[in-house]
PDB file of N, CA and C in Angstrom:
ATOM      1  N   MET A   1      39.650   3.640  76.249  1.00  0.00           N
ATOM      2  CA  MET A   1      38.863   2.890  75.277  1.00  0.00           C
ATOM      3  C   MET A   1      39.637   1.643  74.884  1.00  0.00           C
ATOM      4  N   THR A   2      38.959   0.530  74.782  1.00  0.00           N
ATOM      5  CA  THR A   2      39.628  -0.728  74.442  1.00  0.00           C
ATOM      6  C   THR A   2      39.620  -0.929  72.940  1.00  0.00           C
ATOM      7  N   ASN A   3      40.506  -1.778  72.463  1.00  0.00           N
ATOM      8  CA  ASN A   3      40.580  -2.110  71.044  1.00  0.00           C
ATOM      9  C   ASN A   3      40.022  -3.504  70.790  1.00  0.00           C
ATOM     10  N   LEU A   4      38.912  -3.816  71.405  1.00  0.00           N
ATOM     11  CA  LEU A   4      38.289  -5.111  71.187  1.00  0.00           C
ATOM     12  C   LEU A   4      37.624  -5.132  69.812  1.00  0.00           C
ATOM     13  N   PRO A   5      37.574  -6.297  69.176  1.00  0.00           N
ATOM     14  CA  PRO A   5      36.969  -6.387  67.844  1.00  0.00           C
ATOM     15  C   PRO A   5      35.517  -5.905  67.803  1.00  0.00           C
ATOM     16  N   HIS A   6      34.756  -6.127  68.889  1.00  0.00           N
ATOM     17  CA  HIS A   6      33.342  -5.754  68.861  1.00  0.00           C
ATOM     18  C   HIS A   6      33.129  -4.244  68.926  1.00  0.00           C
ATOM     19  N   SER A   7      34.169  -3.468  69.176  1.00  0.00           N
ATOM     20  CA  SER A   7      34.015  -2.015  69.212  1.00  0.00           C
ATOM     21  C   SER A   7      34.503  -1.357  67.923  1.00  0.00           C
ATOM     22  N   ASP A   8      34.875  -2.135  66.933  1.00  0.00           N
ATOM     23  CA  ASP A   8      35.379  -1.628  65.662  1.00  0.00           C
ATOM     24  C   ASP A   8      34.194  -1.206  64.782  1.00  0.00           C
ATOM     25  N   PRO A   9      33.986   0.103  64.512  1.00  0.00           N
ATOM     26  CA  PRO A   9      32.829   0.553  63.728  1.00  0.00           C
ATOM     27  C   PRO A   9      32.682  -0.122  62.361  1.00  0.00           C
ATOM     28  N   PRO A  10      33.754  -0.274  61.539  1.00  0.00           N
ATOM     29  CA  PRO A  10      33.547  -0.957  60.259  1.00  0.00           C
ATOM     30  C   PRO A  10      33.050  -2.395  60.443  1.00  0.00           C
ATOM     31  N   LEU A  11      33.544  -3.052  61.474  1.00  0.00           N
ATOM     32  CA  LEU A  11      33.117  -4.416  61.735  1.00  0.00           C
ATOM     33  C   LEU A  11      31.642  -4.447  62.143  1.00  0.00           C
ATOM     34  N   LEU A  12      31.232  -3.490  62.971  1.00  0.00           N
ATOM     35  CA  LEU A  12      29.846  -3.444  63.435  1.00  0.00           C
ATOM     36  C   LEU A  12      28.871  -3.093  62.309  1.00  0.00           C
ATOM     37  N   SER A  13      29.332  -2.410  61.274  1.00  0.00           N
ATOM     38  CA  SER A  13      28.444  -2.059  60.163  1.00  0.00           C
ATOM     39  C   SER A  13      28.380  -3.157  59.107  1.00  0.00           C
ATOM     40  N   SER A  14      29.101  -4.224  59.322  1.00  0.00           N
ATOM     41  CA  SER A  14      29.079  -5.353  58.401  1.00  0.00           C
ATOM     42  C   SER A  14      27.700  -6.014  58.421  1.00  0.00           C
ATOM     43  N   PRO A  15      27.217  -6.526  57.275  1.00  0.00           N
ATOM     44  CA  PRO A  15      25.922  -7.222  57.249  1.00  0.00           C
ATOM     45  C   PRO A  15      25.851  -8.393  58.229  1.00  0.00           C
ATOM     46  N   ALA A  16      26.978  -8.970  58.546  1.00  0.00           N
ATOM     47  CA  ALA A  16      26.988 -10.098  59.478  1.00  0.00           C
ATOM     48  C   ALA A  16      26.541  -9.685  60.878  1.00  0.00           C
ATOM     49  N   TYR A  17      26.649  -8.395  61.205  1.00  0.00           N
ATOM     50  CA  TYR A  17      26.252  -7.921  62.523  1.00  0.00           C
ATOM     51  C   TYR A  17      24.805  -7.437  62.564  1.00  0.00           C
ATOM     52  N   LYS A  18      24.157  -7.377  61.422  1.00  0.00           N
ATOM     53  CA  LYS A  18      22.756  -6.945  61.392  1.00  0.00           C
ATOM     54  C   LYS A  18      21.867  -8.049  61.939  1.00  0.00           C
ATOM     55  N   ARG A  19      20.841  -7.640  62.654  1.00  0.00           N
ATOM     56  CA  ARG A  19      19.853  -8.627  63.098  1.00  0.00           C
ATOM     57  C   ARG A  19      19.157  -9.185  61.870  1.00  0.00           C
ATOM     58  N   ALA A  20      18.892 -10.460  61.870  1.00  0.00           N
ATOM     59  CA  ALA A  20      18.284 -11.119  60.710  1.00  0.00           C
ATOM     60  C   ALA A  20      16.951 -10.486  60.330  1.00  0.00           C
ATOM     61  N   ASP A  21      16.142 -10.101  61.320  1.00  0.00           N
ATOM     62  CA  ASP A  21      14.819  -9.553  61.015  1.00  0.00           C
ATOM     63  C   ASP A  21      14.852  -8.138  60.445  1.00  0.00           C
ATOM     64  N   SER A  22      16.003  -7.480  60.477  1.00  0.00           N
ATOM     65  CA  SER A  22      16.103  -6.140  59.891  1.00  0.00           C
ATOM     66  C   SER A  22      17.061  -6.105  58.702  1.00  0.00           C
ATOM     67  N   ASP A  23      17.516  -7.248  58.262  1.00  0.00           N
ATOM     68  CA  ASP A  23      18.446  -7.340  57.134  1.00  0.00           C
ATOM     69  C   ASP A  23      17.669  -7.770  55.886  1.00  0.00           C
ATOM     70  N   LEU A  24      17.218  -6.786  55.092  1.00  0.00           N
ATOM     71  CA  LEU A  24      16.391  -7.095  53.923  1.00  0.00           C
ATOM     72  C   LEU A  24      17.121  -7.959  52.906  1.00  0.00           C
ATOM     73  N   ALA A  25      18.392  -7.715  52.701  1.00  0.00           N
ATOM     74  CA  ALA A  25      19.143  -8.534  51.741  1.00  0.00           C
ATOM     75  C   ALA A  25      19.138  -9.995  52.178  1.00  0.00           C
ATOM     76  N   PHE A  26      19.261 -10.222  53.464  1.00  0.00           N
ATOM     77  CA  PHE A  26      19.226 -11.582  53.990  1.00  0.00           C
ATOM     78  C   PHE A  26      17.835 -12.196  53.814  1.00  0.00           C
ATOM     79  N   LEU A  27      16.801 -11.436  54.186  1.00  0.00           N
ATOM     80  CA  LEU A  27      15.432 -11.947  54.113  1.00  0.00           C
ATOM     81  C   LEU A  27      14.987 -12.236  52.685  1.00  0.00           C
ATOM     82  N   GLN A  28      15.586 -11.565  51.706  1.00  0.00           N
ATOM     83  CA  GLN A  28      15.190 -11.752  50.315  1.00  0.00           C
ATOM     84  C   GLN A  28      15.963 -12.864  49.612  1.00  0.00           C
ATOM     85  N   ARG A  29      16.788 -13.576  50.335  1.00  0.00           N
ATOM     86  CA  ARG A  29      17.519 -14.694  49.730  1.00  0.00           C
ATOM     87  C   ARG A  29      16.533 -15.770  49.269  1.00  0.00           C
ATOM     88  N   ASP A  30      16.875 -16.439  48.176  1.00  0.00           N
ATOM     89  CA  ASP A  30      16.003 -17.491  47.643  1.00  0.00           C
ATOM     90  C   ASP A  30      15.737 -18.597  48.656  1.00  0.00           C
ATOM     91  N   ASP A  31      16.745 -18.941  49.445  1.00  0.00           N
ATOM     92  CA  ASP A  31      16.555 -20.050  50.380  1.00  0.00           C
ATOM     93  C   ASP A  31      15.703 -19.671  51.595  1.00  0.00           C
ATOM     94  N   LEU A  32      15.268 -18.420  51.688  1.00  0.00           N
ATOM     95  CA  LEU A  32      14.361 -18.020  52.768  1.00  0.00           C
ATOM     96  C   LEU A  32      12.936 -17.793  52.259  1.00  0.00           C
ATOM     97  N   ARG A  33      12.659 -18.239  51.053  1.00  0.00           N
ATOM     98  CA  ARG A  33      11.328 -18.062  50.464  1.00  0.00           C
ATOM     99  C   ARG A  33      10.241 -18.690  51.340  1.00  0.00           C
ATOM    100  N   ALA A  34      10.489 -19.864  51.855  1.00  0.00           N
ATOM    101  CA  ALA A  34       9.492 -20.536  52.703  1.00  0.00           C
ATOM    102  C   ALA A  34       9.179 -19.705  53.949  1.00  0.00           C
ATOM    103  N   VAL A  35      10.187 -19.091  54.516  1.00  0.00           N
ATOM    104  CA  VAL A  35       9.983 -18.243  55.695  1.00  0.00           C
ATOM    105  C   VAL A  35       9.134 -17.026  55.325  1.00  0.00           C
ATOM    106  N   ARG A  36       9.429 -16.427  54.173  1.00  0.00           N
ATOM    107  CA  ARG A  36       8.639 -15.269  53.730  1.00  0.00           C
ATOM    108  C   ARG A  36       7.186 -15.663  53.490  1.00  0.00           C
ATOM    109  N   LEU A  37       6.964 -16.833  52.900  1.00  0.00           N
ATOM    110  CA  LEU A  37       5.591 -17.298  52.679  1.00  0.00           C
ATOM    111  C   LEU A  37       4.858 -17.511  54.002  1.00  0.00           C
ATOM    112  N   GLN A  38       5.565 -18.065  54.991  1.00  0.00           N
ATOM    113  CA  GLN A  38       4.947 -18.245  56.308  1.00  0.00           C
ATOM    114  C   GLN A  38       4.527 -16.897  56.883  1.00  0.00           C
ATOM    115  N   LEU A  39       5.384 -15.906  56.736  1.00  0.00           N
ATOM    116  CA  LEU A  39       5.064 -14.572  57.243  1.00  0.00           C
ATOM    117  C   LEU A  39       3.874 -13.965  56.499  1.00  0.00           C
ATOM    118  N   GLU A  40       3.794 -14.204  55.195  1.00  0.00           N
ATOM    119  CA  GLU A  40       2.673 -13.684  54.404  1.00  0.00           C
ATOM    120  C   GLU A  40       1.347 -14.281  54.871  1.00  0.00           C
ATOM    121  N   TRP A  41       1.359 -15.534  55.279  1.00  0.00           N
ATOM    122  CA  TRP A  41       0.139 -16.165  55.801  1.00  0.00           C
ATOM    123  C   TRP A  41      -0.133 -15.734  57.244  1.00  0.00           C
ATOM    124  N   PHE A  42       0.923 -15.577  58.015  1.00  0.00           N
ATOM    125  CA  PHE A  42       0.772 -15.314  59.441  1.00  0.00           C
ATOM    126  C   PHE A  42       0.330 -13.875  59.721  1.00  0.00           C
ATOM    127  N   LYS A  43       0.807 -12.920  58.924  1.00  0.00           N
ATOM    128  CA  LYS A  43       0.475 -11.515  59.167  1.00  0.00           C
ATOM    129  C   LYS A  43      -1.033 -11.264  59.158  1.00  0.00           C
ATOM    130  N   PRO A  44      -1.772 -11.622  58.091  1.00  0.00           N
ATOM    131  CA  PRO A  44      -3.216 -11.368  58.131  1.00  0.00           C
ATOM    132  C   PRO A  44      -3.929 -12.164  59.221  1.00  0.00           C
ATOM    133  N   GLU A  45      -3.413 -13.346  59.534  1.00  0.00           N
ATOM    134  CA  GLU A  45      -4.012 -14.146  60.606  1.00  0.00           C
ATOM    135  C   GLU A  45      -3.946 -13.386  61.936  1.00  0.00           C
ATOM    136  N   LEU A  46      -2.792 -12.817  62.236  1.00  0.00           N
ATOM    137  CA  LEU A  46      -2.642 -12.056  63.480  1.00  0.00           C
ATOM    138  C   LEU A  46      -3.503 -10.797  63.480  1.00  0.00           C
ATOM    139  N   ILE A  47      -3.540 -10.105  62.356  1.00  0.00           N
ATOM    140  CA  ILE A  47      -4.353  -8.889  62.269  1.00  0.00           C
ATOM    141  C   ILE A  47      -5.826  -9.221  62.487  1.00  0.00           C
ATOM    142  N   GLN A  48      -6.293 -10.311  61.887  1.00  0.00           N
ATOM    143  CA  GLN A  48      -7.692 -10.703  62.060  1.00  0.00           C
ATOM    144  C   GLN A  48      -7.974 -11.085  63.508  1.00  0.00           C
ATOM    145  N   GLN A  49      -7.050 -11.775  64.138  1.00  0.00           N
ATOM    146  CA  GLN A  49      -7.225 -12.119  65.549  1.00  0.00           C
ATOM    147  C   GLN A  49      -7.301 -10.851  66.389  1.00  0.00           C
ATOM    148  N   ASP A  50      -6.414  -9.887  66.113  1.00  0.00           N
ATOM    149  CA  ASP A  50      -6.415  -8.627  66.855  1.00  0.00           C
ATOM    150  C   ASP A  50      -7.737  -7.879  66.699  1.00  0.00           C
ATOM    151  N   GLU A  51      -8.360  -8.004  65.540  1.00  0.00           N
ATOM    152  CA  GLU A  51      -9.617  -7.310  65.259  1.00  0.00           C
ATOM    153  C   GLU A  51     -10.846  -8.117  65.682  1.00  0.00           C
ATOM    154  N   GLY A  52     -10.625  -9.316  66.221  1.00  0.00           N
ATOM    155  CA  GLY A  52     -11.738 -10.144  66.669  1.00  0.00           C
ATOM    156  C   GLY A  52     -12.479 -10.849  65.541  1.00  0.00           C
ATOM    157  N   ILE A  53     -11.853 -10.957  64.380  1.00  0.00           N
ATOM    158  CA  ILE A  53     -12.471 -11.637  63.240  1.00  0.00           C
ATOM    159  C   ILE A  53     -12.262 -13.130  63.415  1.00  0.00           C
ATOM    160  N   GLU A  54     -13.356 -13.869  63.479  1.00  0.00           N
ATOM    161  CA  GLU A  54     -13.270 -15.300  63.737  1.00  0.00           C
ATOM    162  C   GLU A  54     -13.284 -16.147  62.479  1.00  0.00           C
ATOM    163  N   SER A  55     -13.854 -15.635  61.401  1.00  0.00           N
ATOM    164  CA  SER A  55     -13.879 -16.410  60.164  1.00  0.00           C
ATOM    165  C   SER A  55     -13.945 -15.465  58.969  1.00  0.00           C
ATOM    166  N   THR A  56     -13.473 -15.953  57.855  1.00  0.00           N
ATOM    167  CA  THR A  56     -13.512 -15.177  56.614  1.00  0.00           C
ATOM    168  C   THR A  56     -13.869 -16.109  55.466  1.00  0.00           C
ATOM    169  N   ILE A  57     -14.282 -15.521  54.374  1.00  0.00           N
ATOM    170  CA  ILE A  57     -14.545 -16.267  53.150  1.00  0.00           C
ATOM    171  C   ILE A  57     -13.681 -15.648  52.067  1.00  0.00           C
ATOM    172  N   VAL A  58     -12.940 -16.474  51.369  1.00  0.00           N
ATOM    173  CA  VAL A  58     -12.118 -16.007  50.260  1.00  0.00           C
ATOM    174  C   VAL A  58     -12.783 -16.466  48.975  1.00  0.00           C
ATOM    175  N   VAL A  59     -13.036 -15.531  48.088  1.00  0.00           N
ATOM    176  CA  VAL A  59     -13.684 -15.833  46.816  1.00  0.00           C
ATOM    177  C   VAL A  59     -12.701 -15.522  45.699  1.00  0.00           C
ATOM    178  N   PHE A  60     -12.446 -16.508  44.870  1.00  0.00           N
ATOM    179  CA  PHE A  60     -11.570 -16.313  43.728  1.00  0.00           C
ATOM    180  C   PHE A  60     -12.436 -16.104  42.497  1.00  0.00           C
ATOM    181  N   GLY A  61     -12.077 -15.153  41.703  1.00  0.00           N
ATOM    182  CA  GLY A  61     -12.846 -14.888  40.495  1.00  0.00           C
ATOM    183  C   GLY A  61     -12.196 -13.786  39.692  1.00  0.00           C
ATOM    184  N   SER A  62     -12.986 -13.216  38.827  1.00  0.00           N
ATOM    185  CA  SER A  62     -12.471 -12.195  37.936  1.00  0.00           C
ATOM    186  C   SER A  62     -13.128 -10.859  38.213  1.00  0.00           C
ATOM    187  N   ALA A  63     -12.328  -9.824  38.224  1.00  0.00           N
ATOM    188  CA  ALA A  63     -12.856  -8.476  38.382  1.00  0.00           C
ATOM    189  C   ALA A  63     -13.344  -7.931  37.047  1.00  0.00           C
ATOM    190  N   ARG A  64     -13.204  -8.705  35.994  1.00  0.00           N
ATOM    191  CA  ARG A  64     -13.619  -8.257  34.665  1.00  0.00           C
ATOM    192  C   ARG A  64     -15.052  -8.651  34.334  1.00  0.00           C
ATOM    193  N   LEU A  65     -15.730  -9.270  35.254  1.00  0.00           N
ATOM    194  CA  LEU A  65     -17.114  -9.678  35.030  1.00  0.00           C
ATOM    195  C   LEU A  65     -17.985  -8.428  34.911  1.00  0.00           C
ATOM    196  N   LEU A  66     -18.759  -8.361  33.845  1.00  0.00           N
ATOM    197  CA  LEU A  66     -19.605  -7.194  33.598  1.00  0.00           C
ATOM    198  C   LEU A  66     -21.065  -7.532  33.859  1.00  0.00           C
ATOM    199  N   GLU A  67     -21.830  -6.513  34.241  1.00  0.00           N
ATOM    200  CA  GLU A  67     -23.271  -6.728  34.353  1.00  0.00           C
ATOM    201  C   GLU A  67     -23.813  -6.960  32.948  1.00  0.00           C
ATOM    202  N   PRO A  68     -24.914  -7.696  32.819  1.00  0.00           N
ATOM    203  CA  PRO A  68     -25.423  -8.070  31.494  1.00  0.00           C
ATOM    204  C   PRO A  68     -25.622  -6.902  30.523  1.00  0.00           C
ATOM    205  N   ALA A  69     -26.200  -5.802  30.974  1.00  0.00           N
ATOM    206  CA  ALA A  69     -26.444  -4.667  30.070  1.00  0.00           C
ATOM    207  C   ALA A  69     -25.131  -4.088  29.546  1.00  0.00           C
ATOM    208  N   ALA A  70     -24.142  -3.972  30.417  1.00  0.00           N
ATOM    209  CA  ALA A  70     -22.843  -3.434  29.998  1.00  0.00           C
ATOM    210  C   ALA A  70     -22.140  -4.398  29.048  1.00  0.00           C
ATOM    211  N   ALA A  71     -22.260  -5.692  29.314  1.00  0.00           N
ATOM    212  CA  ALA A  71     -21.634  -6.694  28.442  1.00  0.00           C
ATOM    213  C   ALA A  71     -22.267  -6.664  27.056  1.00  0.00           C
ATOM    214  N   LYS A  72     -23.585  -6.533  27.012  1.00  0.00           N
ATOM    215  CA  LYS A  72     -24.294  -6.476  25.725  1.00  0.00           C
ATOM    216  C   LYS A  72     -23.882  -5.224  24.950  1.00  0.00           C
ATOM    217  N   ALA A  73     -23.811  -4.096  25.630  1.00  0.00           N
ATOM    218  CA  ALA A  73     -23.415  -2.841  24.981  1.00  0.00           C
ATOM    219  C   ALA A  73     -21.989  -2.927  24.449  1.00  0.00           C
ATOM    220  N   LYS A  74     -21.120  -3.541  25.224  1.00  0.00           N
ATOM    221  CA  LYS A  74     -19.730  -3.686  24.788  1.00  0.00           C
ATOM    222  C   LYS A  74     -19.644  -4.572  23.544  1.00  0.00           C
ATOM    223  N   LEU A  75     -20.425  -5.646  23.523  1.00  0.00           N
ATOM    224  CA  LEU A  75     -20.431  -6.542  22.365  1.00  0.00           C
ATOM    225  C   LEU A  75     -20.972  -5.826  21.125  1.00  0.00           C
ATOM    226  N   LEU A  76     -22.063  -5.089  21.278  1.00  0.00           N
ATOM    227  CA  LEU A  76     -22.633  -4.358  20.137  1.00  0.00           C
ATOM    228  C   LEU A  76     -21.633  -3.352  19.568  1.00  0.00           C
ATOM    229  N   LEU A  77     -20.937  -2.650  20.445  1.00  0.00           N
ATOM    230  CA  LEU A  77     -19.929  -1.688  19.998  1.00  0.00           C
ATOM    231  C   LEU A  77     -18.780  -2.395  19.284  1.00  0.00           C
ATOM    232  N   ALA A  78     -18.307  -3.496  19.843  1.00  0.00           N
ATOM    233  CA  ALA A  78     -17.205  -4.245  19.228  1.00  0.00           C
ATOM    234  C   ALA A  78     -17.615  -4.780  17.862  1.00  0.00           C
ATOM    235  N   GLU A  79     -18.847  -5.266  17.752  1.00  0.00           N
ATOM    236  CA  GLU A  79     -19.331  -5.771  16.461  1.00  0.00           C
ATOM    237  C   GLU A  79     -19.459  -4.644  15.436  1.00  0.00           C
ATOM    238  N   LYS A  80     -19.900  -3.481  15.891  1.00  0.00           N
ATOM    239  CA  LYS A  80     -20.017  -2.317  15.002  1.00  0.00           C
ATOM    240  C   LYS A  80     -18.638  -1.900  14.491  1.00  0.00           C
ATOM    241  N   GLU A  81     -17.651  -1.876  15.392  1.00  0.00           N
ATOM    242  CA  GLU A  81     -16.292  -1.500  14.994  1.00  0.00           C
ATOM    243  C   GLU A  81     -15.689  -2.544  14.056  1.00  0.00           C
ATOM    244  N   LEU A  82     -16.011  -3.814  14.278  1.00  0.00           N
ATOM    245  CA  LEU A  82     -15.520  -4.868  13.386  1.00  0.00           C
ATOM    246  C   LEU A  82     -16.164  -4.752  12.005  1.00  0.00           C
ATOM    247  N   ALA A  83     -17.433  -4.397  11.963  1.00  0.00           N
ATOM    248  CA  ALA A  83     -18.119  -4.238  10.672  1.00  0.00           C
ATOM    249  C   ALA A  83     -17.462  -3.136   9.843  1.00  0.00           C
ATOM    250  N   ALA A  84     -16.947  -2.110  10.527  1.00  0.00           N
ATOM    251  CA  ALA A  84     -16.275  -1.014   9.824  1.00  0.00           C
ATOM    252  C   ALA A  84     -14.876  -1.412   9.362  1.00  0.00           C
ATOM    253  N   SER A  85     -14.257  -2.365  10.037  1.00  0.00           N
ATOM    254  CA  SER A  85     -12.907  -2.844   9.684  1.00  0.00           C
ATOM    255  C   SER A  85     -12.879  -4.362   9.810  1.00  0.00           C
ATOM    256  N   PRO A  86     -13.528  -5.083   8.890  1.00  0.00           N
ATOM    257  CA  PRO A  86     -13.708  -6.533   9.043  1.00  0.00           C
ATOM    258  C   PRO A  86     -12.431  -7.374   9.005  1.00  0.00           C
ATOM    259  N   HIS A  87     -11.331  -6.814   8.554  1.00  0.00           N
ATOM    260  CA  HIS A  87     -10.092  -7.593   8.481  1.00  0.00           C
ATOM    261  C   HIS A  87      -9.102  -7.226   9.592  1.00  0.00           C
ATOM    262  N   ASP A  88      -9.508  -6.356  10.481  1.00  0.00           N
ATOM    263  CA  ASP A  88      -8.627  -5.896  11.560  1.00  0.00           C
ATOM    264  C   ASP A  88      -8.575  -6.967  12.658  1.00  0.00           C
ATOM    265  N   PRO A  89      -7.385  -7.571  12.893  1.00  0.00           N
ATOM    266  CA  PRO A  89      -7.296  -8.635  13.910  1.00  0.00           C
ATOM    267  C   PRO A  89      -7.616  -8.148  15.323  1.00  0.00           C
ATOM    268  N   GLU A  90      -7.303  -6.894  15.630  1.00  0.00           N
ATOM    269  CA  GLU A  90      -7.624  -6.359  16.960  1.00  0.00           C
ATOM    270  C   GLU A  90      -9.136  -6.246  17.150  1.00  0.00           C
ATOM    271  N   LYS A  91      -9.834  -5.868  16.095  1.00  0.00           N
ATOM    272  CA  LYS A  91     -11.301  -5.759  16.176  1.00  0.00           C
ATOM    273  C   LYS A  91     -11.927  -7.147  16.330  1.00  0.00           C
ATOM    274  N   LYS A  92     -11.356  -8.139  15.630  1.00  0.00           N
ATOM    275  CA  LYS A  92     -11.847  -9.520  15.764  1.00  0.00           C
ATOM    276  C   LYS A  92     -11.632 -10.022  17.192  1.00  0.00           C
ATOM    277  N   ARG A  93     -10.469  -9.702  17.725  1.00  0.00           N
ATOM    278  CA  ARG A  93     -10.153 -10.117  19.099  1.00  0.00           C
ATOM    279  C   ARG A  93     -11.105  -9.434  20.089  1.00  0.00           C
ATOM    280  N   ALA A  94     -11.391  -8.150  19.862  1.00  0.00           N
ATOM    281  CA  ALA A  94     -12.296  -7.412  20.750  1.00  0.00           C
ATOM    282  C   ALA A  94     -13.692  -8.034  20.747  1.00  0.00           C
ATOM    283  N   VAL A  95     -14.157  -8.485  19.574  1.00  0.00           N
ATOM    284  CA  VAL A  95     -15.474  -9.141  19.493  1.00  0.00           C
ATOM    285  C   VAL A  95     -15.447 -10.464  20.256  1.00  0.00           C
ATOM    286  N   ALA A  96     -14.384 -11.234  20.095  1.00  0.00           N
ATOM    287  CA  ALA A  96     -14.280 -12.518  20.797  1.00  0.00           C
ATOM    288  C   ALA A  96     -14.291 -12.311  22.310  1.00  0.00           C
ATOM    289  N   ILE A  97     -13.556 -11.318  22.775  1.00  0.00           N
ATOM    290  CA  ILE A  97     -13.520 -11.027  24.216  1.00  0.00           C
ATOM    291  C   ILE A  97     -14.898 -10.576  24.697  1.00  0.00           C
ATOM    292  N   ALA A  98     -15.538  -9.703  23.931  1.00  0.00           N
ATOM    293  CA  ALA A  98     -16.863  -9.196  24.315  1.00  0.00           C
ATOM    294  C   ALA A  98     -17.899 -10.317  24.347  1.00  0.00           C
ATOM    295  N   LYS A  99     -17.811 -11.258  23.413  1.00  0.00           N
ATOM    296  CA  LYS A  99     -18.734 -12.404  23.423  1.00  0.00           C
ATOM    297  C   LYS A  99     -18.533 -13.241  24.680  1.00  0.00           C
ATOM    298  N   ASN A 100     -17.295 -13.442  25.039  1.00  0.00           N
ATOM    299  CA  ASN A 100     -16.978 -14.208  26.246  1.00  0.00           C
ATOM    300  C   ASN A 100     -17.511 -13.488  27.490  1.00  0.00           C
ATOM    301  N   GLN A 101     -17.317 -12.179  27.537  1.00  0.00           N
ATOM    302  CA  GLN A 101     -17.806 -11.410  28.683  1.00  0.00           C
ATOM    303  C   GLN A 101     -19.331 -11.449  28.761  1.00  0.00           C
ATOM    304  N   GLU A 102     -19.988 -11.395  27.610  1.00  0.00           N
ATOM    305  CA  GLU A 102     -21.450 -11.468  27.621  1.00  0.00           C
ATOM    306  C   GLU A 102     -21.921 -12.851  28.090  1.00  0.00           C
ATOM    307  N   ALA A 103     -21.204 -13.888  27.686  1.00  0.00           N
ATOM    308  CA  ALA A 103     -21.577 -15.247  28.099  1.00  0.00           C
ATOM    309  C   ALA A 103     -21.498 -15.415  29.617  1.00  0.00           C
ATOM    310  N   TYR A 104     -20.540 -14.746  30.248  1.00  0.00           N
ATOM    311  CA  TYR A 104     -20.373 -14.871  31.696  1.00  0.00           C
ATOM    312  C   TYR A 104     -21.151 -13.818  32.484  1.00  0.00           C
ATOM    313  N   SER A 105     -21.733 -12.846  31.809  1.00  0.00           N
ATOM    314  CA  SER A 105     -22.397 -11.738  32.504  1.00  0.00           C
ATOM    315  C   SER A 105     -23.560 -12.154  33.411  1.00  0.00           C
ATOM    316  N   PRO A 106     -24.284 -13.251  33.132  1.00  0.00           N
ATOM    317  CA  PRO A 106     -25.348 -13.637  34.074  1.00  0.00           C
ATOM    318  C   PRO A 106     -24.826 -13.936  35.489  1.00  0.00           C
ATOM    319  N   TYR A 107     -23.562 -14.272  35.594  1.00  0.00           N
ATOM    320  CA  TYR A 107     -22.993 -14.565  36.909  1.00  0.00           C
ATOM    321  C   TYR A 107     -22.746 -13.305  37.728  1.00  0.00           C
ATOM    322  N   TYR A 108     -22.838 -12.142  37.095  1.00  0.00           N
ATOM    323  CA  TYR A 108     -22.632 -10.872  37.795  1.00  0.00           C
ATOM    324  C   TYR A 108     -23.627 -10.727  38.946  1.00  0.00           C
ATOM    325  N   GLU A 109     -24.903 -10.907  38.652  1.00  0.00           N
ATOM    326  CA  GLU A 109     -25.926 -10.780  39.696  1.00  0.00           C
ATOM    327  C   GLU A 109     -25.812 -11.892  40.732  1.00  0.00           C
ATOM    328  N   GLU A 110     -25.424 -13.085  40.295  1.00  0.00           N
ATOM    329  CA  GLU A 110     -25.230 -14.175  41.259  1.00  0.00           C
ATOM    330  C   GLU A 110     -24.116 -13.832  42.238  1.00  0.00           C
ATOM    331  N   ALA A 111     -23.062 -13.228  41.737  1.00  0.00           N
ATOM    332  CA  ALA A 111     -21.951 -12.828  42.610  1.00  0.00           C
ATOM    333  C   ALA A 111     -22.406 -11.751  43.590  1.00  0.00           C
ATOM    334  N   ARG A 112     -23.198 -10.815  43.121  1.00  0.00           N
ATOM    335  CA  ARG A 112     -23.721  -9.770  44.013  1.00  0.00           C
ATOM    336  C   ARG A 112     -24.624 -10.374  45.090  1.00  0.00           C
ATOM    337  N   GLU A 113     -25.463 -11.319  44.691  1.00  0.00           N
ATOM    338  CA  GLU A 113     -26.349 -11.972  45.659  1.00  0.00           C
ATOM    339  C   GLU A 113     -25.538 -12.753  46.693  1.00  0.00           C
ATOM    340  N   PHE A 114     -24.504 -13.440  46.238  1.00  0.00           N
ATOM    341  CA  PHE A 114     -23.636 -14.166  47.166  1.00  0.00           C
ATOM    342  C   PHE A 114     -23.014 -13.194  48.169  1.00  0.00           C
ATOM    343  N   GLY A 115     -22.560 -12.060  47.675  1.00  0.00           N
ATOM    344  CA  GLY A 115     -21.989 -11.044  48.560  1.00  0.00           C
ATOM    345  C   GLY A 115     -22.980 -10.576  49.608  1.00  0.00           C
ATOM    346  N   ARG A 116     -24.223 -10.395  49.203  1.00  0.00           N
ATOM    347  CA  ARG A 116     -25.256  -9.982  50.170  1.00  0.00           C
ATOM    348  C   ARG A 116     -25.499 -11.074  51.212  1.00  0.00           C
ATOM    349  N   LEU A 117     -25.489 -12.327  50.773  1.00  0.00           N
ATOM    350  CA  LEU A 117     -25.756 -13.436  51.696  1.00  0.00           C
ATOM    351  C   LEU A 117     -24.675 -13.585  52.760  1.00  0.00           C
ATOM    352  N   VAL A 118     -23.438 -13.389  52.379  1.00  0.00           N
ATOM    353  CA  VAL A 118     -22.347 -13.661  53.319  1.00  0.00           C
ATOM    354  C   VAL A 118     -21.889 -12.433  54.091  1.00  0.00           C
ATOM    355  N   SER A 119     -22.431 -11.273  53.757  1.00  0.00           N
ATOM    356  CA  SER A 119     -21.984 -10.078  54.498  1.00  0.00           C
ATOM    357  C   SER A 119     -22.946  -9.707  55.605  1.00  0.00           C
TER     358      SER A 119
END
């Protein structure tokens, strides 16, 4: 057996001998952020190509959008709870949130219709 440096087990277990693609500490360095972002974009692109997907639509929005009936019920409940505790800041906040959700609730059906159109 030779005593060459490349056959030294402690030396071979050093992070410097790890392949870059399997060295998580290396890949998580701040200066490799751009590379990680490229991989985040490239991975779904390759998967879609493998599956024969030629185009996609990305929709940004809120998962908190309620259907109109549910939004109205939530607002009525929040208003009832506020009436029982009119000085409670959490109850006031709940009413404000419920009013906002009710205002946006008409878009619930529009979003569903859009989903039907593009699927």
